[in-house]
Every structure is written in C-alpha cells, then in structure tokens.
Amino acid sequence: MWRLNQTPDITGEAIGVEVVDESRVDLTFTVTR
C-alpha cells in the first residue's frame, strides 16, 4: 500500500495511526506526499 522502502519510520507510525484512525493516516500521507 505505502512505500515501506522509502520511509520505514513514517510507515511504522502510519500503521499505528491506521489502527487508531484511518482518516488520520490519509491526512498524514497526503501531507507527506
């Protein structure tokens, strides 16, 4: 789904947020892009 190879740190955080709130992940990745 996401670029684990590009940003492993952000991916780990995103996974944790995804469990809490999927909407937050969308916003986080949108800003990262």
PDB file of N, CA and C in Angstrom:
ATOM      1  N   MET A   1       0.847  -1.205   0.000  1.00  0.00           N
ATOM      2  CA  MET A   1       0.000   0.000   0.000  1.00  0.00           C
ATOM      3  C   MET A   1       0.884   1.257   0.000  1.00  0.00           C
ATOM      4  N   TRP A   2       1.677   1.410   1.045  1.00  0.00           N
ATOM      5  CA  TRP A   2       2.541   2.603   1.125  1.00  0.00           C
ATOM      6  C   TRP A   2       3.962   2.241   0.735  1.00  0.00           C
ATOM      7  N   ARG A   3       4.820   3.213   0.700  1.00  0.00           N
ATOM      8  CA  ARG A   3       6.217   2.952   0.327  1.00  0.00           C
ATOM      9  C   ARG A   3       7.029   2.600   1.561  1.00  0.00           C
ATOM     10  N   LEU A   4       7.074   1.332   1.884  1.00  0.00           N
ATOM     11  CA  LEU A   4       7.826   0.910   3.071  1.00  0.00           C
ATOM     12  C   LEU A   4       9.321   1.122   2.854  1.00  0.00           C
ATOM     13  N   ASN A   5       9.756   0.973   1.618  1.00  0.00           N
ATOM     14  CA  ASN A   5      11.184   1.117   1.324  1.00  0.00           C
ATOM     15  C   ASN A   5      11.621   2.578   1.414  1.00  0.00           C
ATOM     16  N   GLN A   6      10.737   3.470   1.028  1.00  0.00           N
ATOM     17  CA  GLN A   6      11.119   4.889   1.019  1.00  0.00           C
ATOM     18  C   GLN A   6      11.190   5.451   2.436  1.00  0.00           C
ATOM     19  N   THR A   7      10.146   5.214   3.227  1.00  0.00           N
ATOM     20  CA  THR A   7      10.135   5.793   4.573  1.00  0.00           C
ATOM     21  C   THR A   7       9.651   4.762   5.586  1.00  0.00           C
ATOM     22  N   PRO A   8      10.567   3.934   6.086  1.00  0.00           N
ATOM     23  CA  PRO A   8      10.209   2.907   7.069  1.00  0.00           C
ATOM     24  C   PRO A   8       9.740   3.526   8.378  1.00  0.00           C
ATOM     25  N   ASP A   9      10.331   4.659   8.747  1.00  0.00           N
ATOM     26  CA  ASP A   9       9.934   5.312  10.002  1.00  0.00           C
ATOM     27  C   ASP A   9       8.493   5.785   9.930  1.00  0.00           C
ATOM     28  N   ILE A  10       8.163   6.493   8.869  1.00  0.00           N
ATOM     29  CA  ILE A  10       6.804   7.021   8.711  1.00  0.00           C
ATOM     30  C   ILE A  10       5.814   5.871   8.571  1.00  0.00           C
ATOM     31  N   THR A  11       6.227   4.815   7.883  1.00  0.00           N
ATOM     32  CA  THR A  11       5.341   3.673   7.679  1.00  0.00           C
ATOM     33  C   THR A  11       4.952   3.074   9.025  1.00  0.00           C
ATOM     34  N   GLY A  12       5.931   2.897   9.895  1.00  0.00           N
ATOM     35  CA  GLY A  12       5.650   2.326  11.215  1.00  0.00           C
ATOM     36  C   GLY A  12       4.656   3.188  11.964  1.00  0.00           C
ATOM     37  N   GLU A  13       4.849   4.485  11.903  1.00  0.00           N
ATOM     38  CA  GLU A  13       3.921   5.384  12.597  1.00  0.00           C
ATOM     39  C   GLU A  13       2.547   5.340  11.946  1.00  0.00           C
ATOM     40  N   ALA A  14       2.530   5.302  10.641  1.00  0.00           N
ATOM     41  CA  ALA A  14       1.265   5.288   9.908  1.00  0.00           C
ATOM     42  C   ALA A  14       0.457   4.052  10.280  1.00  0.00           C
ATOM     43  N   ILE A  15       1.120   2.907  10.370  1.00  0.00           N
ATOM     44  CA  ILE A  15       0.415   1.663  10.716  1.00  0.00           C
ATOM     45  C   ILE A  15      -0.242   1.826  12.083  1.00  0.00           C
ATOM     46  N   GLY A  16       0.492   2.397  13.025  1.00  0.00           N
ATOM     47  CA  GLY A  16      -0.051   2.585  14.375  1.00  0.00           C
ATOM     48  C   GLY A  16      -1.247   3.518  14.337  1.00  0.00           C
ATOM     49  N   VAL A  17      -1.143   4.580  13.551  1.00  0.00           N
ATOM     50  CA  VAL A  17      -2.252   5.532  13.451  1.00  0.00           C
ATOM     51  C   VAL A  17      -3.425   4.885  12.739  1.00  0.00           C
ATOM     52  N   GLU A  18      -3.125   4.065  11.750  1.00  0.00           N
ATOM     53  CA  GLU A  18      -4.188   3.435  10.968  1.00  0.00           C
ATOM     54  C   GLU A  18      -5.103   2.647  11.886  1.00  0.00           C
ATOM     55  N   VAL A  19      -4.516   1.961  12.845  1.00  0.00           N
ATOM     56  CA  VAL A  19      -5.312   1.163  13.779  1.00  0.00           C
ATOM     57  C   VAL A  19      -6.203   2.086  14.612  1.00  0.00           C
ATOM     58  N   VAL A  20      -5.672   3.256  14.948  1.00  0.00           N
ATOM     59  CA  VAL A  20      -6.447   4.194  15.770  1.00  0.00           C
ATOM     60  C   VAL A  20      -7.459   4.949  14.917  1.00  0.00           C
ATOM     61  N   ASP A  21      -6.998   5.465  13.795  1.00  0.00           N
ATOM     62  CA  ASP A  21      -7.898   6.248  12.932  1.00  0.00           C
ATOM     63  C   ASP A  21      -7.418   6.201  11.489  1.00  0.00           C
ATOM     64  N   GLU A  22      -8.214   5.641  10.624  1.00  0.00           N
ATOM     65  CA  GLU A  22      -7.805   5.562   9.212  1.00  0.00           C
ATOM     66  C   GLU A  22      -7.776   6.953   8.593  1.00  0.00           C
ATOM     67  N   SER A  23      -8.669   7.809   9.025  1.00  0.00           N
ATOM     68  CA  SER A  23      -8.725   9.173   8.469  1.00  0.00           C
ATOM     69  C   SER A  23      -7.405   9.895   8.717  1.00  0.00           C
ATOM     70  N   ARG A  24      -6.831   9.687   9.879  1.00  0.00           N
ATOM     71  CA  ARG A  24      -5.570  10.375  10.209  1.00  0.00           C
ATOM     72  C   ARG A  24      -4.468   9.919   9.255  1.00  0.00           C
ATOM     73  N   VAL A  25      -4.451   8.657   8.936  1.00  0.00           N
ATOM     74  CA  VAL A  25      -3.420   8.134   8.031  1.00  0.00           C
ATOM     75  C   VAL A  25      -3.528   8.833   6.682  1.00  0.00           C
ATOM     76  N   ASP A  26      -4.743   8.992   6.214  1.00  0.00           N
ATOM     77  CA  ASP A  26      -4.941   9.659   4.920  1.00  0.00           C
ATOM     78  C   ASP A  26      -4.344  11.060   4.960  1.00  0.00           C
ATOM     79  N   LEU A  27      -4.616  11.791   6.021  1.00  0.00           N
ATOM     80  CA  LEU A  27      -4.110  13.160   6.122  1.00  0.00           C
ATOM     81  C   LEU A  27      -2.589  13.159   6.225  1.00  0.00           C
ATOM     82  N   THR A  28      -2.060  12.256   7.030  1.00  0.00           N
ATOM     83  CA  THR A  28      -0.609  12.203   7.213  1.00  0.00           C
ATOM     84  C   THR A  28       0.091  11.928   5.892  1.00  0.00           C
ATOM     85  N   PHE A  29      -0.405  10.936   5.169  1.00  0.00           N
ATOM     86  CA  PHE A  29       0.242  10.588   3.901  1.00  0.00           C
ATOM     87  C   PHE A  29       0.040  11.686   2.869  1.00  0.00           C
ATOM     88  N   THR A  30      -1.105  12.343   2.935  1.00  0.00           N
ATOM     89  CA  THR A  30      -1.356  13.425   1.980  1.00  0.00           C
ATOM     90  C   THR A  30      -0.323  14.534   2.181  1.00  0.00           C
ATOM     91  N   VAL A  31      -0.014  14.838   3.417  1.00  0.00           N
ATOM     92  CA  VAL A  31       0.966  15.890   3.700  1.00  0.00           C
ATOM     93  C   VAL A  31       2.369  15.415   3.315  1.00  0.00           C
ATOM     94  N   THR A  32       2.653  14.151   3.585  1.00  0.00           N
ATOM     95  CA  THR A  32       3.984  13.618   3.266  1.00  0.00           C
ATOM     96  C   THR A  32       4.230  13.672   1.763  1.00  0.00           C
ATOM     97  N   ARG A  33       3.188  13.421   1.009  1.00  0.00           N
ATOM     98  CA  ARG A  33       3.339  13.433  -0.444  1.00  0.00           C
ATOM     99  C   ARG A  33       3.657  14.845  -0.864  1.00  0.00           C
TER     100      ARG A  33
END
